[in-house]
PDB file of N, CA and C in Angstrom:
ATOM      1  N   MET A   1     106.318 -76.073  16.442  1.00  0.00           N
ATOM      2  CA  MET A   1     106.742 -74.704  16.293  1.00  0.00           C
ATOM      3  C   MET A   1     106.315 -73.905  17.507  1.00  0.00           C
ATOM      4  N   LYS A   2     107.102 -72.929  17.827  1.00  0.00           N
ATOM      5  CA  LYS A   2     106.800 -72.150  19.020  1.00  0.00           C
ATOM      6  C   LYS A   2     105.838 -71.012  18.687  1.00  0.00           C
ATOM      7  N   GLU A   3     104.998 -70.706  19.642  1.00  0.00           N
ATOM      8  CA  GLU A   3     104.012 -69.647  19.466  1.00  0.00           C
ATOM      9  C   GLU A   3     104.669 -68.296  19.720  1.00  0.00           C
ATOM     10  N   HIS A   4     104.270 -67.293  18.966  1.00  0.00           N
ATOM     11  CA  HIS A   4     104.854 -65.961  19.074  1.00  0.00           C
ATOM     12  C   HIS A   4     103.832 -64.982  19.631  1.00  0.00           C
ATOM     13  N   ASN A   5     104.323 -63.887  20.185  1.00  0.00           N
ATOM     14  CA  ASN A   5     103.463 -62.824  20.672  1.00  0.00           C
ATOM     15  C   ASN A   5     103.105 -61.934  19.481  1.00  0.00           C
ATOM     16  N   ILE A   6     101.873 -62.019  19.022  1.00  0.00           N
ATOM     17  CA  ILE A   6     101.426 -61.363  17.798  1.00  0.00           C
ATOM     18  C   ILE A   6     100.409 -60.279  18.142  1.00  0.00           C
ATOM     19  N   SER A   7     100.469 -59.145  17.433  1.00  0.00           N
ATOM     20  CA  SER A   7      99.478 -58.095  17.650  1.00  0.00           C
ATOM     21  C   SER A   7      98.142 -58.510  17.034  1.00  0.00           C
ATOM     22  N   LYS A   8      97.065 -57.902  17.517  1.00  0.00           N
ATOM     23  CA  LYS A   8      95.734 -58.225  16.990  1.00  0.00           C
ATOM     24  C   LYS A   8      95.616 -57.846  15.522  1.00  0.00           C
ATOM     25  N   ASP A   9      96.188 -56.698  15.132  1.00  0.00           N
ATOM     26  CA  ASP A   9      96.134 -56.279  13.733  1.00  0.00           C
ATOM     27  C   ASP A   9      96.912 -57.230  12.832  1.00  0.00           C
ATOM     28  N   GLY A  10      98.046 -57.731  13.329  1.00  0.00           N
ATOM     29  CA  GLY A  10      98.835 -58.685  12.552  1.00  0.00           C
ATOM     30  C   GLY A  10      98.092 -59.984  12.335  1.00  0.00           C
ATOM     31  N   LYS A  11      97.432 -60.468  13.382  1.00  0.00           N
ATOM     32  CA  LYS A  11      96.670 -61.707  13.252  1.00  0.00           C
ATOM     33  C   LYS A  11      95.462 -61.496  12.345  1.00  0.00           C
ATOM     34  N   LEU A  12      94.790 -60.352  12.473  1.00  0.00           N
ATOM     35  CA  LEU A  12      93.646 -60.049  11.617  1.00  0.00           C
ATOM     36  C   LEU A  12      94.074 -60.003  10.155  1.00  0.00           C
ATOM     37  N   ALA A  13      95.194 -59.345   9.870  1.00  0.00           N
ATOM     38  CA  ALA A  13      95.703 -59.274   8.499  1.00  0.00           C
ATOM     39  C   ALA A  13      96.057 -60.663   7.979  1.00  0.00           C
ATOM     40  N   ALA A  14      96.656 -61.495   8.826  1.00  0.00           N
ATOM     41  CA  ALA A  14      97.033 -62.852   8.415  1.00  0.00           C
ATOM     42  C   ALA A  14      95.803 -63.690   8.084  1.00  0.00           C
ATOM     43  N   ILE A  15      94.745 -63.549   8.859  1.00  0.00           N
ATOM     44  CA  ILE A  15      93.529 -64.325   8.605  1.00  0.00           C
ATOM     45  C   ILE A  15      92.805 -63.799   7.371  1.00  0.00           C
ATOM     46  N   ILE A  16      92.679 -62.480   7.246  1.00  0.00           N
ATOM     47  CA  ILE A  16      91.999 -61.903   6.085  1.00  0.00           C
ATOM     48  C   ILE A  16      92.746 -62.235   4.798  1.00  0.00           C
ATOM     49  N   ALA A  17      94.065 -62.336   4.866  1.00  0.00           N
ATOM     50  CA  ALA A  17      94.859 -62.665   3.681  1.00  0.00           C
ATOM     51  C   ALA A  17      94.461 -64.008   3.079  1.00  0.00           C
ATOM     52  N   HIS A  18      93.887 -64.879   3.882  1.00  0.00           N
ATOM     53  CA  HIS A  18      93.510 -66.202   3.392  1.00  0.00           C
ATOM     54  C   HIS A  18      92.086 -66.267   2.847  1.00  0.00           C
ATOM     55  N   LEU A  19      91.348 -65.173   2.930  1.00  0.00           N
ATOM     56  CA  LEU A  19      89.960 -65.184   2.488  1.00  0.00           C
ATOM     57  C   LEU A  19      89.852 -64.670   1.055  1.00  0.00           C
ATOM     58  N   THR A  20      89.319 -65.460   0.188  1.00  0.00           N
ATOM     59  CA  THR A  20      89.105 -65.180  -1.236  1.00  0.00           C
ATOM     60  C   THR A  20      90.382 -64.758  -1.944  1.00  0.00           C
ATOM     61  N   PHE A  21      90.240 -64.404  -3.203  1.00  0.00           N
ATOM     62  CA  PHE A  21      91.394 -64.014  -4.003  1.00  0.00           C
ATOM     63  C   PHE A  21      91.827 -62.581  -3.730  1.00  0.00           C
ATOM     64  N   ILE A  22      90.917 -61.761  -3.224  1.00  0.00           N
ATOM     65  CA  ILE A  22      91.285 -60.374  -2.930  1.00  0.00           C
ATOM     66  C   ILE A  22      91.704 -60.184  -1.477  1.00  0.00           C
ATOM     67  N   GLY A  23      91.669 -61.241  -0.699  1.00  0.00           N
ATOM     68  CA  GLY A  23      92.073 -61.177   0.703  1.00  0.00           C
ATOM     69  C   GLY A  23      93.476 -60.638   0.923  1.00  0.00           C
ATOM     70  N   PRO A  24      94.482 -61.094   0.147  1.00  0.00           N
ATOM     71  CA  PRO A  24      95.834 -60.551   0.349  1.00  0.00           C
ATOM     72  C   PRO A  24      95.919 -59.045   0.097  1.00  0.00           C
ATOM     73  N   ILE A  25      95.125 -58.545  -0.842  1.00  0.00           N
ATOM     74  CA  ILE A  25      95.137 -57.108  -1.137  1.00  0.00           C
ATOM     75  C   ILE A  25      94.516 -56.327   0.017  1.00  0.00           C
ATOM     76  N   ILE A  26      93.377 -56.803   0.517  1.00  0.00           N
ATOM     77  CA  ILE A  26      92.725 -56.158   1.658  1.00  0.00           C
ATOM     78  C   ILE A  26      93.650 -56.193   2.873  1.00  0.00           C
ATOM     79  N   ALA A  27      94.260 -57.341   3.122  1.00  0.00           N
ATOM     80  CA  ALA A  27      95.164 -57.487   4.270  1.00  0.00           C
ATOM     81  C   ALA A  27      96.387 -56.587   4.129  1.00  0.00           C
ATOM     82  N   TRP A  28      96.858 -56.406   2.902  1.00  0.00           N
ATOM     83  CA  TRP A  28      98.004 -55.526   2.671  1.00  0.00           C
ATOM     84  C   TRP A  28      97.684 -54.100   3.117  1.00  0.00           C
ATOM     85  N   PHE A  29      96.470 -53.619   2.784  1.00  0.00           N
ATOM     86  CA  PHE A  29      96.062 -52.275   3.205  1.00  0.00           C
ATOM     87  C   PHE A  29      95.923 -52.187   4.725  1.00  0.00           C
ATOM     88  N   ILE A  30      95.414 -53.232   5.342  1.00  0.00           N
ATOM     89  CA  ILE A  30      95.295 -53.258   6.802  1.00  0.00           C
ATOM     90  C   ILE A  30      96.677 -53.193   7.445  1.00  0.00           C
ATOM     91  N   ASN A  31      97.630 -53.866   6.845  1.00  0.00           N
ATOM     92  CA  ASN A  31      98.979 -53.973   7.414  1.00  0.00           C
ATOM     93  C   ASN A  31      99.859 -52.754   7.118  1.00  0.00           C
ATOM     94  N   GLN A  32      99.404 -51.832   6.282  1.00  0.00           N
ATOM     95  CA  GLN A  32     100.223 -50.676   5.909  1.00  0.00           C
ATOM     96  C   GLN A  32     100.409 -49.679   7.043  1.00  0.00           C
ATOM     97  N   GLU A  33      99.368 -49.482   7.840  1.00  0.00           N
ATOM     98  CA  GLU A  33      99.433 -48.466   8.888  1.00  0.00           C
ATOM     99  C   GLU A  33     100.495 -48.796   9.936  1.00  0.00           C
ATOM    100  N   GLU A  34     100.391 -49.959  10.501  1.00  0.00           N
ATOM    101  CA  GLU A  34     101.358 -50.398  11.508  1.00  0.00           C
ATOM    102  C   GLU A  34     101.872 -51.766  11.067  1.00  0.00           C
ATOM    103  N   ARG A  35     102.988 -51.770  10.371  1.00  0.00           N
ATOM    104  CA  ARG A  35     103.493 -53.019   9.793  1.00  0.00           C
ATOM    105  C   ARG A  35     103.799 -54.056  10.861  1.00  0.00           C
ATOM    106  N   ASP A  36     103.250 -55.230  10.643  1.00  0.00           N
ATOM    107  CA  ASP A  36     103.454 -56.346  11.555  1.00  0.00           C
ATOM    108  C   ASP A  36     104.118 -57.468  10.771  1.00  0.00           C
ATOM    109  N   SER A  37     105.194 -58.031  11.285  1.00  0.00           N
ATOM    110  CA  SER A  37     105.928 -59.067  10.548  1.00  0.00           C
ATOM    111  C   SER A  37     105.090 -60.324  10.354  1.00  0.00           C
ATOM    112  N   PHE A  38     104.241 -60.647  11.325  1.00  0.00           N
ATOM    113  CA  PHE A  38     103.379 -61.825  11.210  1.00  0.00           C
ATOM    114  C   PHE A  38     102.369 -61.632  10.077  1.00  0.00           C
ATOM    115  N   GLY A  39     101.737 -60.469  10.051  1.00  0.00           N
ATOM    116  CA  GLY A  39     100.786 -60.174   8.982  1.00  0.00           C
ATOM    117  C   GLY A  39     101.465 -60.171   7.624  1.00  0.00           C
ATOM    118  N   SER A  40     102.638 -59.542   7.543  1.00  0.00           N
ATOM    119  CA  SER A  40     103.379 -59.493   6.276  1.00  0.00           C
ATOM    120  C   SER A  40     103.752 -60.885   5.790  1.00  0.00           C
ATOM    121  N   PHE A  41     104.167 -61.736   6.716  1.00  0.00           N
ATOM    122  CA  PHE A  41     104.543 -63.105   6.368  1.00  0.00           C
ATOM    123  C   PHE A  41     103.380 -63.829   5.691  1.00  0.00           C
ATOM    124  N   TYR A  42     102.198 -63.768   6.287  1.00  0.00           N
ATOM    125  CA  TYR A  42     101.053 -64.494   5.736  1.00  0.00           C
ATOM    126  C   TYR A  42     100.420 -63.802   4.537  1.00  0.00           C
ATOM    127  N   ILE A  43     100.577 -62.499   4.419  1.00  0.00           N
ATOM    128  CA  ILE A  43     100.117 -61.816   3.210  1.00  0.00           C
ATOM    129  C   ILE A  43     100.937 -62.312   2.024  1.00  0.00           C
ATOM    130  N   LYS A  44     102.246 -62.438   2.214  1.00  0.00           N
ATOM    131  CA  LYS A  44     103.111 -62.951   1.143  1.00  0.00           C
ATOM    132  C   LYS A  44     102.767 -64.394   0.801  1.00  0.00           C
ATOM    133  N   GLN A  45     102.578 -65.225   1.826  1.00  0.00           N
ATOM    134  CA  GLN A  45     102.250 -66.630   1.589  1.00  0.00           C
ATOM    135  C   GLN A  45     100.942 -66.756   0.800  1.00  0.00           C
ATOM    136  N   SER A  46      99.934 -66.012   1.224  1.00  0.00           N
ATOM    137  CA  SER A  46      98.631 -66.093   0.585  1.00  0.00           C
ATOM    138  C   SER A  46      98.670 -65.529  -0.833  1.00  0.00           C
ATOM    139  N   PHE A  47      99.372 -64.417  -1.019  1.00  0.00           N
ATOM    140  CA  PHE A  47      99.501 -63.846  -2.356  1.00  0.00           C
ATOM    141  C   PHE A  47     100.236 -64.813  -3.285  1.00  0.00           C
ATOM    142  N   GLY A  48     101.235 -65.493  -2.761  1.00  0.00           N
ATOM    143  CA  GLY A  48     101.944 -66.504  -3.546  1.00  0.00           C
ATOM    144  C   GLY A  48     101.038 -67.647  -3.962  1.00  0.00           C
ATOM    145  N   LEU A  49     100.152 -68.075  -3.066  1.00  0.00           N
ATOM    146  CA  LEU A  49      99.195 -69.129  -3.412  1.00  0.00           C
ATOM    147  C   LEU A  49      98.227 -68.668  -4.497  1.00  0.00           C
ATOM    148  N   VAL A  50      97.773 -67.427  -4.411  1.00  0.00           N
ATOM    149  CA  VAL A  50      96.859 -66.889  -5.424  1.00  0.00           C
ATOM    150  C   VAL A  50      97.568 -66.824  -6.777  1.00  0.00           C
ATOM    151  N   CYS A  51      98.804 -66.342  -6.792  1.00  0.00           N
ATOM    152  CA  CYS A  51      99.574 -66.288  -8.043  1.00  0.00           C
ATOM    153  C   CYS A  51      99.796 -67.684  -8.612  1.00  0.00           C
ATOM    154  N   LEU A  52     100.139 -68.619  -7.747  1.00  0.00           N
ATOM    155  CA  LEU A  52     100.338 -69.999  -8.178  1.00  0.00           C
ATOM    156  C   LEU A  52      99.061 -70.569  -8.782  1.00  0.00           C
ATOM    157  N   TYR A  53      97.931 -70.256  -8.159  1.00  0.00           N
ATOM    158  CA  TYR A  53      96.644 -70.741  -8.663  1.00  0.00           C
ATOM    159  C   TYR A  53      96.387 -70.226 -10.077  1.00  0.00           C
ATOM    160  N   PHE A  54      96.605 -68.942 -10.304  1.00  0.00           N
ATOM    161  CA  PHE A  54      96.318 -68.382 -11.620  1.00  0.00           C
ATOM    162  C   PHE A  54      97.356 -68.776 -12.664  1.00  0.00           C
ATOM    163  N   LEU A  55      98.635 -68.800 -12.293  1.00  0.00           N
ATOM    164  CA  LEU A  55      99.672 -69.127 -13.270  1.00  0.00           C
ATOM    165  C   LEU A  55      99.661 -70.605 -13.657  1.00  0.00           C
ATOM    166  N   LEU A  56      99.734 -71.475 -12.652  1.00  0.00           N
ATOM    167  CA  LEU A  56      99.748 -72.904 -12.956  1.00  0.00           C
ATOM    168  C   LEU A  56      98.360 -73.427 -13.292  1.00  0.00           C
ATOM    169  N   GLY A  57      97.340 -72.792 -12.741  1.00  0.00           N
ATOM    170  CA  GLY A  57      95.968 -73.213 -13.025  1.00  0.00           C
ATOM    171  C   GLY A  57      95.614 -73.063 -14.486  1.00  0.00           C
ATOM    172  N   SER A  58      96.126 -72.019 -15.124  1.00  0.00           N
ATOM    173  CA  SER A  58      95.851 -71.846 -16.549  1.00  0.00           C
ATOM    174  C   SER A  58      96.534 -72.936 -17.373  1.00  0.00           C
ATOM    175  N   LEU A  59      97.701 -73.396 -16.925  1.00  0.00           N
ATOM    176  CA  LEU A  59      98.373 -74.495 -17.628  1.00  0.00           C
ATOM    177  C   LEU A  59      97.656 -75.826 -17.401  1.00  0.00           C
ATOM    178  N   VAL A  60      97.229 -76.053 -16.173  1.00  0.00           N
ATOM    179  CA  VAL A  60      96.521 -77.299 -15.851  1.00  0.00           C
ATOM    180  C   VAL A  60      95.184 -77.345 -16.577  1.00  0.00           C
ATOM    181  N   ALA A  61      94.563 -76.194 -16.773  1.00  0.00           N
ATOM    182  CA  ALA A  61      93.271 -76.145 -17.462  1.00  0.00           C
ATOM    183  C   ALA A  61      93.393 -76.579 -18.921  1.00  0.00           C
ATOM    184  N   MET A  62      94.586 -76.467 -19.489  1.00  0.00           N
ATOM    185  CA  MET A  62      94.792 -76.889 -20.875  1.00  0.00           C
ATOM    186  C   MET A  62      94.875 -78.403 -21.017  1.00  0.00           C
ATOM    187  N   ILE A  63      95.116 -79.086 -19.924  1.00  0.00           N
ATOM    188  CA  ILE A  63      95.197 -80.545 -19.950  1.00  0.00           C
ATOM    189  C   ILE A  63      93.775 -81.093 -19.969  1.00  0.00           C
ATOM    190  N   PRO A  64      93.442 -81.880 -20.992  1.00  0.00           N
ATOM    191  CA  PRO A  64      92.058 -82.375 -21.087  1.00  0.00           C
ATOM    192  C   PRO A  64      91.794 -83.572 -20.165  1.00  0.00           C
ATOM    193  N   ASN A  65      92.185 -83.443 -18.923  1.00  0.00           N
ATOM    194  CA  ASN A  65      92.009 -84.521 -17.966  1.00  0.00           C
ATOM    195  C   ASN A  65      91.464 -83.926 -16.671  1.00  0.00           C
ATOM    196  N   MET A  66      90.293 -84.360 -16.293  1.00  0.00           N
ATOM    197  CA  MET A  66      89.646 -83.821 -15.097  1.00  0.00           C
ATOM    198  C   MET A  66      90.436 -84.158 -13.835  1.00  0.00           C
ATOM    199  N   TYR A  67      91.136 -85.289 -13.817  1.00  0.00           N
ATOM    200  CA  TYR A  67      91.897 -85.686 -12.633  1.00  0.00           C
ATOM    201  C   TYR A  67      93.066 -84.737 -12.367  1.00  0.00           C
ATOM    202  N   ALA A  68      93.684 -84.217 -13.419  1.00  0.00           N
ATOM    203  CA  ALA A  68      94.766 -83.248 -13.242  1.00  0.00           C
ATOM    204  C   ALA A  68      94.217 -81.972 -12.607  1.00  0.00           C
ATOM    205  N   PHE A  69      93.066 -81.539 -13.057  1.00  0.00           N
ATOM    206  CA  PHE A  69      92.430 -80.341 -12.510  1.00  0.00           C
ATOM    207  C   PHE A  69      92.056 -80.541 -11.046  1.00  0.00           C
ATOM    208  N   ILE A  70      91.466 -81.677 -10.742  1.00  0.00           N
ATOM    209  CA  ILE A  70      91.069 -81.981  -9.360  1.00  0.00           C
ATOM    210  C   ILE A  70      92.306 -82.100  -8.467  1.00  0.00           C
ATOM    211  N   GLY A  71      93.334 -82.783  -8.940  1.00  0.00           N
ATOM    212  CA  GLY A  71      94.562 -82.950  -8.164  1.00  0.00           C
ATOM    213  C   GLY A  71      95.245 -81.624  -7.872  1.00  0.00           C
ATOM    214  N   PHE A  72      95.303 -80.759  -8.869  1.00  0.00           N
ATOM    215  CA  PHE A  72      95.921 -79.444  -8.693  1.00  0.00           C
ATOM    216  C   PHE A  72      95.161 -78.623  -7.656  1.00  0.00           C
ATOM    217  N   ASN A  73      93.843 -78.594  -7.772  1.00  0.00           N
ATOM    218  CA  ASN A  73      93.038 -77.832  -6.810  1.00  0.00           C
ATOM    219  C   ASN A  73      93.111 -78.423  -5.408  1.00  0.00           C
ATOM    220  N   LEU A  74      93.176 -79.734  -5.304  1.00  0.00           N
ATOM    221  CA  LEU A  74      93.310 -80.380  -4.000  1.00  0.00           C
ATOM    222  C   LEU A  74      94.663 -80.037  -3.366  1.00  0.00           C
ATOM    223  N   PHE A  75      95.714 -80.046  -4.173  1.00  0.00           N
ATOM    224  CA  PHE A  75      97.046 -79.678  -3.701  1.00  0.00           C
ATOM    225  C   PHE A  75      97.061 -78.250  -3.150  1.00  0.00           C
ATOM    226  N   LEU A  76      96.481 -77.312  -3.894  1.00  0.00           N
ATOM    227  CA  LEU A  76      96.444 -75.924  -3.429  1.00  0.00           C
ATOM    228  C   LEU A  76      95.561 -75.758  -2.201  1.00  0.00           C
ATOM    229  N   PHE A  77      94.483 -76.514  -2.124  1.00  0.00           N
ATOM    230  CA  PHE A  77      93.602 -76.440  -0.961  1.00  0.00           C
ATOM    231  C   PHE A  77      94.326 -76.925   0.298  1.00  0.00           C
ATOM    232  N   ILE A  78      95.106 -77.981   0.157  1.00  0.00           N
ATOM    233  CA  ILE A  78      95.880 -78.495   1.299  1.00  0.00           C
ATOM    234  C   ILE A  78      96.922 -77.465   1.741  1.00  0.00           C
ATOM    235  N   LEU A  79      97.596 -76.826   0.782  1.00  0.00           N
ATOM    236  CA  LEU A  79      98.552 -75.770   1.127  1.00  0.00           C
ATOM    237  C   LEU A  79      97.848 -74.603   1.819  1.00  0.00           C
ATOM    238  N   TRP A  80      96.651 -74.257   1.334  1.00  0.00           N
ATOM    239  CA  TRP A  80      95.882 -73.166   1.936  1.00  0.00           C
ATOM    240  C   TRP A  80      95.511 -73.499   3.379  1.00  0.00           C
ATOM    241  N   ILE A  81      95.046 -74.722   3.626  1.00  0.00           N
ATOM    242  CA  ILE A  81      94.685 -75.145   4.987  1.00  0.00           C
ATOM    243  C   ILE A  81      95.915 -75.099   5.893  1.00  0.00           C
ATOM    244  N   TYR A  82      97.040 -75.561   5.392  1.00  0.00           N
ATOM    245  CA  TYR A  82      98.288 -75.551   6.168  1.00  0.00           C
ATOM    246  C   TYR A  82      98.654 -74.121   6.572  1.00  0.00           C
ATOM    247  N   SER A  83      98.595 -73.219   5.618  1.00  0.00           N
ATOM    248  CA  SER A  83      98.935 -71.828   5.892  1.00  0.00           C
ATOM    249  C   SER A  83      97.914 -71.171   6.818  1.00  0.00           C
ATOM    250  N   PHE A  84      96.646 -71.405   6.577  1.00  0.00           N
ATOM    251  CA  PHE A  84      95.578 -70.820   7.396  1.00  0.00           C
ATOM    252  C   PHE A  84      95.660 -71.305   8.840  1.00  0.00           C
ATOM    253  N   SER A  85      96.009 -72.576   9.024  1.00  0.00           N
ATOM    254  CA  SER A  85      96.131 -73.104  10.391  1.00  0.00           C
ATOM    255  C   SER A  85      97.269 -72.416  11.143  1.00  0.00           C
ATOM    256  N   GLY A  86      98.335 -72.071  10.443  1.00  0.00           N
ATOM    257  CA  GLY A  86      99.427 -71.335  11.071  1.00  0.00           C
ATOM    258  C   GLY A  86      99.013 -69.927  11.460  1.00  0.00           C
ATOM    259  N   ALA A  87      98.235 -69.278  10.599  1.00  0.00           N
ATOM    260  CA  ALA A  87      97.767 -67.920  10.895  1.00  0.00           C
ATOM    261  C   ALA A  87      96.851 -67.909  12.110  1.00  0.00           C
ATOM    262  N   ILE A  88      95.991 -68.893  12.217  1.00  0.00           N
ATOM    263  CA  ILE A  88      95.056 -68.961  13.344  1.00  0.00           C
ATOM    264  C   ILE A  88      95.786 -69.285  14.645  1.00  0.00           C
ATOM    265  N   SER A  89      96.799 -70.139  14.574  1.00  0.00           N
ATOM    266  CA  SER A  89      97.486 -70.590  15.790  1.00  0.00           C
ATOM    267  C   SER A  89      98.714 -69.745  16.164  1.00  0.00           C
ATOM    268  N   ASN A  90      98.876 -68.578  15.526  1.00  0.00           N
ATOM    269  CA  ASN A  90      99.991 -67.663  15.824  1.00  0.00           C
ATOM    270  C   ASN A  90     101.362 -68.290  15.596  1.00  0.00           C
ATOM    271  N   GLN A  91     101.496 -69.115  14.579  1.00  0.00           N
ATOM    272  CA  GLN A  91     102.772 -69.755  14.258  1.00  0.00           C
ATOM    273  C   GLN A  91     103.191 -69.384  12.843  1.00  0.00           C
ATOM    274  N   TYR A  92     104.481 -69.164  12.652  1.00  0.00           N
ATOM    275  CA  TYR A  92     105.020 -68.935  11.318  1.00  0.00           C
ATOM    276  C   TYR A  92     105.196 -70.301  10.657  1.00  0.00           C
ATOM    277  N   LYS A  93     104.300 -70.655   9.756  1.00  0.00           N
ATOM    278  CA  LYS A  93     104.404 -71.926   9.037  1.00  0.00           C
ATOM    279  C   LYS A  93     104.714 -71.629   7.574  1.00  0.00           C
ATOM    280  N   LEU A  94     105.943 -71.894   7.189  1.00  0.00           N
ATOM    281  CA  LEU A  94     106.363 -71.696   5.814  1.00  0.00           C
ATOM    282  C   LEU A  94     105.757 -72.790   4.950  1.00  0.00           C
ATOM    283  N   LEU A  95     105.213 -72.413   3.802  1.00  0.00           N
ATOM    284  CA  LEU A  95     104.618 -73.409   2.918  1.00  0.00           C
ATOM    285  C   LEU A  95     105.680 -74.389   2.439  1.00  0.00           C
ATOM    286  N   PRO A  96     105.364 -75.678   2.420  1.00  0.00           N
ATOM    287  CA  PRO A  96     106.332 -76.655   1.918  1.00  0.00           C
ATOM    288  C   PRO A  96     106.644 -76.393   0.444  1.00  0.00           C
ATOM    289  N   VAL A  97     107.831 -76.628   0.045  1.00  0.00           N
ATOM    290  CA  VAL A  97     108.340 -76.546  -1.324  1.00  0.00           C
ATOM    291  C   VAL A  97     108.442 -75.104  -1.838  1.00  0.00           C
ATOM    292  N   ILE A  98     107.372 -74.325  -1.776  1.00  0.00           N
ATOM    293  CA  ILE A  98     107.362 -73.002  -2.403  1.00  0.00           C
ATOM    294  C   ILE A  98     107.491 -71.839  -1.424  1.00  0.00           C
ATOM    295  N   GLY A  99     107.444 -72.102  -0.143  1.00  0.00           N
ATOM    296  CA  GLY A  99     107.427 -71.040   0.862  1.00  0.00           C
ATOM    297  C   GLY A  99     108.643 -70.136   0.840  1.00  0.00           C
ATOM    298  N   ASN A 100     109.838 -70.709   0.784  1.00  0.00           N
ATOM    299  CA  ASN A 100     111.058 -69.889   0.751  1.00  0.00           C
ATOM    300  C   ASN A 100     111.109 -69.021  -0.490  1.00  0.00           C
ATOM    301  N   PHE A 101     110.736 -69.591  -1.625  1.00  0.00           N
ATOM    302  CA  PHE A 101     110.733 -68.837  -2.878  1.00  0.00           C
ATOM    303  C   PHE A 101     109.768 -67.655  -2.799  1.00  0.00           C
ATOM    304  N   ILE A 102     108.573 -67.896  -2.273  1.00  0.00           N
ATOM    305  CA  ILE A 102     107.572 -66.829  -2.158  1.00  0.00           C
ATOM    306  C   ILE A 102     108.079 -65.717  -1.253  1.00  0.00           C
ATOM    307  N   GLN A 103     108.626 -66.071  -0.100  1.00  0.00           N
ATOM    308  CA  GLN A 103     109.105 -65.057   0.837  1.00  0.00           C
ATOM    309  C   GLN A 103     110.230 -64.221   0.230  1.00  0.00           C
ATOM    310  N   LYS A 104     111.148 -64.865  -0.485  1.00  0.00           N
ATOM    311  CA  LYS A 104     112.260 -64.130  -1.095  1.00  0.00           C
ATOM    312  C   LYS A 104     111.782 -63.271  -2.261  1.00  0.00           C
ATOM    313  N   ALA A 105     110.877 -63.806  -3.070  1.00  0.00           N
ATOM    314  CA  ALA A 105     110.404 -63.082  -4.249  1.00  0.00           C
ATOM    315  C   ALA A 105     109.570 -61.859  -3.879  1.00  0.00           C
ATOM    316  N   LEU A 106     108.837 -61.928  -2.789  1.00  0.00           N
ATOM    317  CA  LEU A 106     107.938 -60.835  -2.427  1.00  0.00           C
ATOM    318  C   LEU A 106     108.495 -59.913  -1.347  1.00  0.00           C
ATOM    319  N   THR A 107     109.751 -60.072  -0.991  1.00  0.00           N
ATOM    320  CA  THR A 107     110.376 -59.189  -0.014  1.00  0.00           C
ATOM    321  C   THR A 107     111.083 -58.065  -0.756  1.00  0.00           C
ATOM    322  N   SER A 108     110.723 -56.833  -0.418  1.00  0.00           N
ATOM    323  CA  SER A 108     111.351 -55.690  -1.088  1.00  0.00           C
ATOM    324  C   SER A 108     112.740 -55.462  -0.507  1.00  0.00           C
ATOM    325  N   LYS A 109     113.637 -55.122  -1.371  1.00  0.00           N
ATOM    326  CA  LYS A 109     115.010 -54.863  -0.955  1.00  0.00           C
ATOM    327  C   LYS A 109     115.181 -53.356  -0.810  1.00  0.00           C
ATOM    328  N   LYS A 110     115.458 -52.905   0.406  1.00  0.00           N
ATOM    329  CA  LYS A 110     115.638 -51.471   0.666  1.00  0.00           C
ATOM    330  C   LYS A 110     117.104 -51.106   0.508  1.00  0.00           C
ATOM    331  N   LYS A 111     117.342 -49.965  -0.115  1.00  0.00           N
ATOM    332  CA  LYS A 111     118.721 -49.503  -0.345  1.00  0.00           C
ATOM    333  C   LYS A 111     119.182 -48.627   0.771  1.00  0.00           C
TER     334      LYS A 111
END
């Protein structure tokens, strides 16, 4: 993937979006003043991962099998590393399988 010219605030928002569960919210506030497409892209990706963790995680938790829980968390951790590596390296890396859905679902439609 080709590297893009990214603002410092956009990169900061993209990196903060990956930190903890409240990172996307903090990054969203950082990105409000001067909207950066790179920051917005990774805020959406990270928020989608957090939502996926809570929605599917509650279903996986009902399965009385520790391997399902470990596998699910490992899968999300790998997706998180993939996304975080893109944010650090100034590349737009869409998450495999769910990335397009997340970007479309979290993009506001202006009239």
